[in-house]
N, C-alpha and C. Protein backbone atom coordinates (compact mmCIF):
# COMPACT_ATOMS: atom_id res chain seq x y z
N MET A 1 92.90 52.71 107.57
CA MET A 1 92.63 51.96 106.39
C MET A 1 93.48 50.68 106.33
N ALA A 2 92.69 49.59 106.02
CA ALA A 2 93.40 48.24 105.85
C ALA A 2 94.44 48.20 104.78
N ARG A 3 95.48 47.68 105.09
CA ARG A 3 96.68 47.57 103.98
C ARG A 3 96.84 46.18 103.47
N HIS A 4 96.47 45.12 104.25
CA HIS A 4 96.74 43.81 103.93
C HIS A 4 95.51 43.17 103.45
N LYS A 5 95.57 42.07 102.64
CA LYS A 5 94.42 41.37 102.14
C LYS A 5 93.55 40.91 103.37
N SER A 6 94.17 40.32 104.25
CA SER A 6 93.48 39.69 105.36
C SER A 6 92.74 40.73 106.22
N THR A 7 93.33 41.83 106.37
CA THR A 7 92.67 42.89 107.23
C THR A 7 91.41 43.50 106.44
N GLU A 8 91.56 43.57 105.17
CA GLU A 8 90.56 44.05 104.27
C GLU A 8 89.29 43.00 104.40
N LYS A 9 89.62 41.76 104.22
CA LYS A 9 88.63 40.81 104.27
C LYS A 9 87.95 40.80 105.68
N ARG A 10 88.70 40.99 106.75
CA ARG A 10 88.16 40.96 108.10
C ARG A 10 87.26 42.30 108.26
N ALA A 11 87.69 43.33 107.66
CA ALA A 11 86.78 44.48 107.64
C ALA A 11 85.48 44.31 107.01
N ARG A 12 85.44 43.55 105.91
CA ARG A 12 84.28 43.30 105.11
C ARG A 12 83.37 42.32 105.90
N GLN A 13 84.07 41.37 106.55
CA GLN A 13 83.20 40.38 107.35
C GLN A 13 82.54 41.02 108.58
N ASP A 14 83.33 41.96 109.18
CA ASP A 14 82.90 42.55 110.47
C ASP A 14 81.65 43.50 110.04
N LYS A 15 81.79 44.12 108.98
CA LYS A 15 80.77 45.06 108.47
C LYS A 15 79.48 44.21 108.21
N LYS A 16 79.61 43.05 107.58
CA LYS A 16 78.42 42.18 107.21
C LYS A 16 77.79 41.70 108.62
N LYS A 17 78.74 41.23 109.51
CA LYS A 17 78.17 40.51 110.73
C LYS A 17 77.53 41.58 111.60
N ALA A 18 78.05 42.88 111.65
CA ALA A 18 77.49 43.92 112.39
C ALA A 18 76.03 44.19 111.87
N PHE A 19 75.86 44.29 110.51
CA PHE A 19 74.59 44.52 110.03
C PHE A 19 73.63 43.42 110.36
N TYR A 20 74.16 42.16 110.23
CA TYR A 20 73.29 41.02 110.41
C TYR A 20 72.85 40.98 111.98
N ASN A 21 73.83 41.29 112.97
CA ASN A 21 73.57 41.23 114.36
C ASN A 21 72.58 42.38 114.73
N LYS A 22 72.67 43.53 114.03
CA LYS A 22 71.78 44.65 114.30
C LYS A 22 70.28 44.26 114.00
N ALA A 23 70.15 43.53 112.86
CA ALA A 23 68.82 43.15 112.39
C ALA A 23 68.23 42.17 113.43
N ILE A 24 69.10 41.30 113.92
CA ILE A 24 68.45 40.21 114.97
C ILE A 24 68.26 40.94 116.20
N LYS A 25 68.96 41.84 116.61
CA LYS A 25 68.67 42.64 117.95
C LYS A 25 67.47 43.46 117.78
N SER A 26 67.29 44.08 116.59
CA SER A 26 66.03 44.93 116.30
C SER A 26 64.86 43.92 116.38
N ALA A 27 64.85 42.80 115.78
CA ALA A 27 63.69 41.97 115.83
C ALA A 27 63.38 41.50 117.28
N VAL A 28 64.41 41.32 118.02
CA VAL A 28 64.23 40.88 119.59
C VAL A 28 63.46 42.09 120.25
N LYS A 29 63.94 43.26 119.98
CA LYS A 29 63.47 44.42 120.58
C LYS A 29 61.99 44.77 120.22
N THR A 30 61.79 44.43 118.92
CA THR A 30 60.31 44.59 118.48
C THR A 30 59.36 43.48 119.09
N ARG A 31 60.01 42.28 119.36
CA ARG A 31 59.14 41.22 119.80
C ARG A 31 58.82 41.52 121.37
N ILE A 32 59.88 42.26 122.04
CA ILE A 32 59.68 42.54 123.48
C ILE A 32 58.55 43.66 123.56
N LYS A 33 58.62 44.62 122.56
CA LYS A 33 57.72 45.71 122.65
C LYS A 33 56.25 45.22 122.34
N THR A 34 56.11 44.19 121.54
CA THR A 34 54.80 43.56 121.24
C THR A 34 54.35 42.92 122.45
N LEU A 35 55.19 42.20 123.21
CA LEU A 35 54.85 41.50 124.44
C LEU A 35 54.36 42.59 125.50
N LEU A 36 55.01 43.76 125.62
CA LEU A 36 54.68 44.77 126.51
C LEU A 36 53.25 45.29 126.16
N THR A 37 52.98 45.59 124.89
CA THR A 37 51.66 46.07 124.56
C THR A 37 50.59 44.98 124.74
N THR A 38 50.91 43.73 124.56
CA THR A 38 50.02 42.65 124.87
C THR A 38 49.61 42.54 126.33
N LEU A 39 50.49 42.84 127.20
CA LEU A 39 50.30 42.88 128.62
C LEU A 39 49.28 43.84 128.98
N GLU A 40 49.11 44.98 128.37
CA GLU A 40 48.06 45.91 128.73
C GLU A 40 46.70 45.40 128.42
N ALA A 41 46.55 44.43 127.49
CA ALA A 41 45.26 43.83 127.09
C ALA A 41 44.71 43.00 128.26
N LYS A 42 45.64 42.37 129.01
CA LYS A 42 45.26 41.52 130.17
C LYS A 42 44.67 40.22 129.66
N ASP A 43 44.92 39.74 128.42
CA ASP A 43 44.40 38.52 127.94
C ASP A 43 45.39 37.48 128.19
N LYS A 44 45.09 36.54 129.08
CA LYS A 44 46.09 35.53 129.58
C LYS A 44 46.57 34.66 128.45
N GLY A 45 45.64 34.19 127.63
CA GLY A 45 46.10 33.34 126.48
C GLY A 45 47.15 34.07 125.59
N ALA A 46 46.69 35.33 125.12
CA ALA A 46 47.51 36.11 124.21
C ALA A 46 48.96 36.38 124.85
N ILE A 47 48.88 36.66 126.04
CA ILE A 47 50.21 37.02 126.76
C ILE A 47 51.12 35.88 126.85
N ASN A 48 50.56 34.61 127.16
CA ASN A 48 51.46 33.43 127.31
C ASN A 48 51.99 33.20 125.92
N ALA A 49 51.17 33.26 124.92
CA ALA A 49 51.59 32.94 123.54
C ALA A 49 52.70 33.83 123.15
N GLU A 50 52.44 35.15 123.34
CA GLU A 50 53.53 36.20 122.97
C GLU A 50 54.83 35.98 123.83
N LEU A 51 54.61 35.64 125.03
CA LEU A 51 55.90 35.39 125.91
C LEU A 51 56.64 34.17 125.38
N LYS A 52 55.90 33.17 124.83
CA LYS A 52 56.64 32.04 124.26
C LYS A 52 57.33 32.38 122.94
N LYS A 53 56.73 33.32 122.14
CA LYS A 53 57.39 33.68 120.89
C LYS A 53 58.63 34.56 121.32
N THR A 54 58.49 35.49 122.35
CA THR A 54 59.54 36.40 122.71
C THR A 54 60.73 35.63 123.14
N ILE A 55 60.49 34.60 124.08
CA ILE A 55 61.62 33.75 124.64
C ILE A 55 62.32 32.99 123.49
N SER A 56 61.48 32.50 122.63
CA SER A 56 62.08 31.77 121.40
C SER A 56 63.06 32.76 120.54
N SER A 57 62.55 33.95 120.39
CA SER A 57 63.28 34.96 119.59
C SER A 57 64.67 35.31 120.29
N ILE A 58 64.51 35.53 121.68
CA ILE A 58 65.73 35.85 122.38
C ILE A 58 66.76 34.63 122.40
N ASN A 59 66.26 33.49 122.57
CA ASN A 59 67.15 32.23 122.58
C ASN A 59 67.79 32.14 121.22
N ARG A 60 67.04 32.41 120.14
CA ARG A 60 67.64 32.35 118.69
C ARG A 60 68.76 33.36 118.62
N ALA A 61 68.45 34.52 119.14
CA ALA A 61 69.49 35.61 118.98
C ALA A 61 70.80 35.25 119.70
N ALA A 62 70.57 34.54 120.92
CA ALA A 62 71.69 34.10 121.73
C ALA A 62 72.51 32.97 121.00
N SER A 63 71.75 32.10 120.44
CA SER A 63 72.52 31.00 119.78
C SER A 63 73.16 31.51 118.45
N LYS A 64 72.72 32.43 117.86
CA LYS A 64 73.38 33.08 116.73
C LYS A 64 74.60 33.89 117.07
N GLY A 65 74.65 34.30 118.30
CA GLY A 65 75.77 35.14 118.81
C GLY A 65 75.49 36.54 118.77
N ALA A 66 74.34 36.93 118.36
CA ALA A 66 74.08 38.41 118.35
C ALA A 66 73.92 39.02 119.79
N ILE A 67 73.50 38.21 120.79
CA ILE A 67 73.58 38.69 122.10
C ILE A 67 74.24 37.53 122.90
N GLN A 68 74.80 37.87 124.06
CA GLN A 68 75.40 36.85 124.90
C GLN A 68 74.34 35.99 125.67
N LYS A 69 74.83 34.92 126.10
CA LYS A 69 73.91 33.93 126.84
C LYS A 69 73.34 34.53 128.14
N GLY A 70 74.26 35.28 128.84
CA GLY A 70 73.82 35.85 130.16
C GLY A 70 72.69 37.01 129.85
N THR A 71 73.04 37.65 128.86
CA THR A 71 72.06 38.80 128.57
C THR A 71 70.72 38.22 128.16
N ALA A 72 70.63 37.00 127.46
CA ALA A 72 69.47 36.42 127.08
C ALA A 72 68.74 35.92 128.19
N SER A 73 69.46 35.22 129.16
CA SER A 73 68.95 34.73 130.39
C SER A 73 68.35 35.80 131.20
N ARG A 74 69.02 36.98 131.40
CA ARG A 74 68.47 38.02 132.19
C ARG A 74 67.18 38.63 131.45
N LYS A 75 67.13 38.75 130.25
CA LYS A 75 66.04 39.32 129.64
C LYS A 75 64.79 38.40 129.72
N ILE A 76 65.02 37.17 129.48
CA ILE A 76 63.97 36.14 129.66
C ILE A 76 63.45 36.16 131.20
N SER A 77 64.34 36.19 132.08
CA SER A 77 64.03 36.11 133.49
C SER A 77 63.10 37.32 133.82
N ASN A 78 63.57 38.46 133.38
CA ASN A 78 62.83 39.81 133.70
C ASN A 78 61.47 39.73 133.07
N LEU A 79 61.39 39.37 131.84
CA LEU A 79 60.06 39.36 131.13
C LEU A 79 59.15 38.30 131.83
N THR A 80 59.67 37.17 132.14
CA THR A 80 58.76 36.26 132.74
C THR A 80 58.29 36.68 134.13
N LYS A 81 59.25 37.25 134.82
CA LYS A 81 58.70 37.85 136.16
C LYS A 81 57.70 38.86 136.01
N LEU A 82 57.83 39.79 135.05
CA LEU A 82 56.92 40.85 134.67
C LEU A 82 55.63 40.26 134.35
N VAL A 83 55.53 39.23 133.50
CA VAL A 83 54.26 38.52 133.10
C VAL A 83 53.56 37.94 134.34
N ASN A 84 54.48 37.28 135.26
CA ASN A 84 53.81 36.52 136.38
C ASN A 84 53.29 37.68 137.36
N ARG A 85 53.92 38.83 137.45
CA ARG A 85 53.42 39.81 138.31
C ARG A 85 52.08 40.54 137.77
N THR A 86 52.04 40.61 136.47
CA THR A 86 50.98 41.24 135.87
C THR A 86 49.79 40.31 135.81
N LEU A 87 49.84 39.08 135.53
CA LEU A 87 48.78 38.18 135.46
C LEU A 87 48.32 37.68 136.77
N PRO A 88 46.92 37.72 137.09
CA PRO A 88 46.51 37.21 138.36
C PRO A 88 46.57 35.70 138.28
N VAL A 89 46.88 35.09 139.48
CA VAL A 89 46.83 33.58 139.48
C VAL A 89 45.57 32.88 139.50
C-alpha cells in the first residue's frame, strides 16, 4: 500500500492510464478483426478502405503511447502483406 502522497498519486495515475490504454488497444483489436472479416468478402474497395482505417487506428495508438512504435510498424506491415497476398493484382 502506498504511504506517501506522491506514491498514492502515482498509483491513481497508473490506474487511470492503464484503463485508457486498454480501451485504445481494444479498439485497435476490433479494427483488425473488422479488416479480417472484410478480407473474406473479397471486395477490393472495401478492403482498401478498411485497411486505411486500421492503419490510422494503429498509428493513433502508437502516438498516444498505448503501443510501441515498433509494434505498430510490425502490425501495419503484417496486415498490409496479408491484404496484398489476398487481393489479386
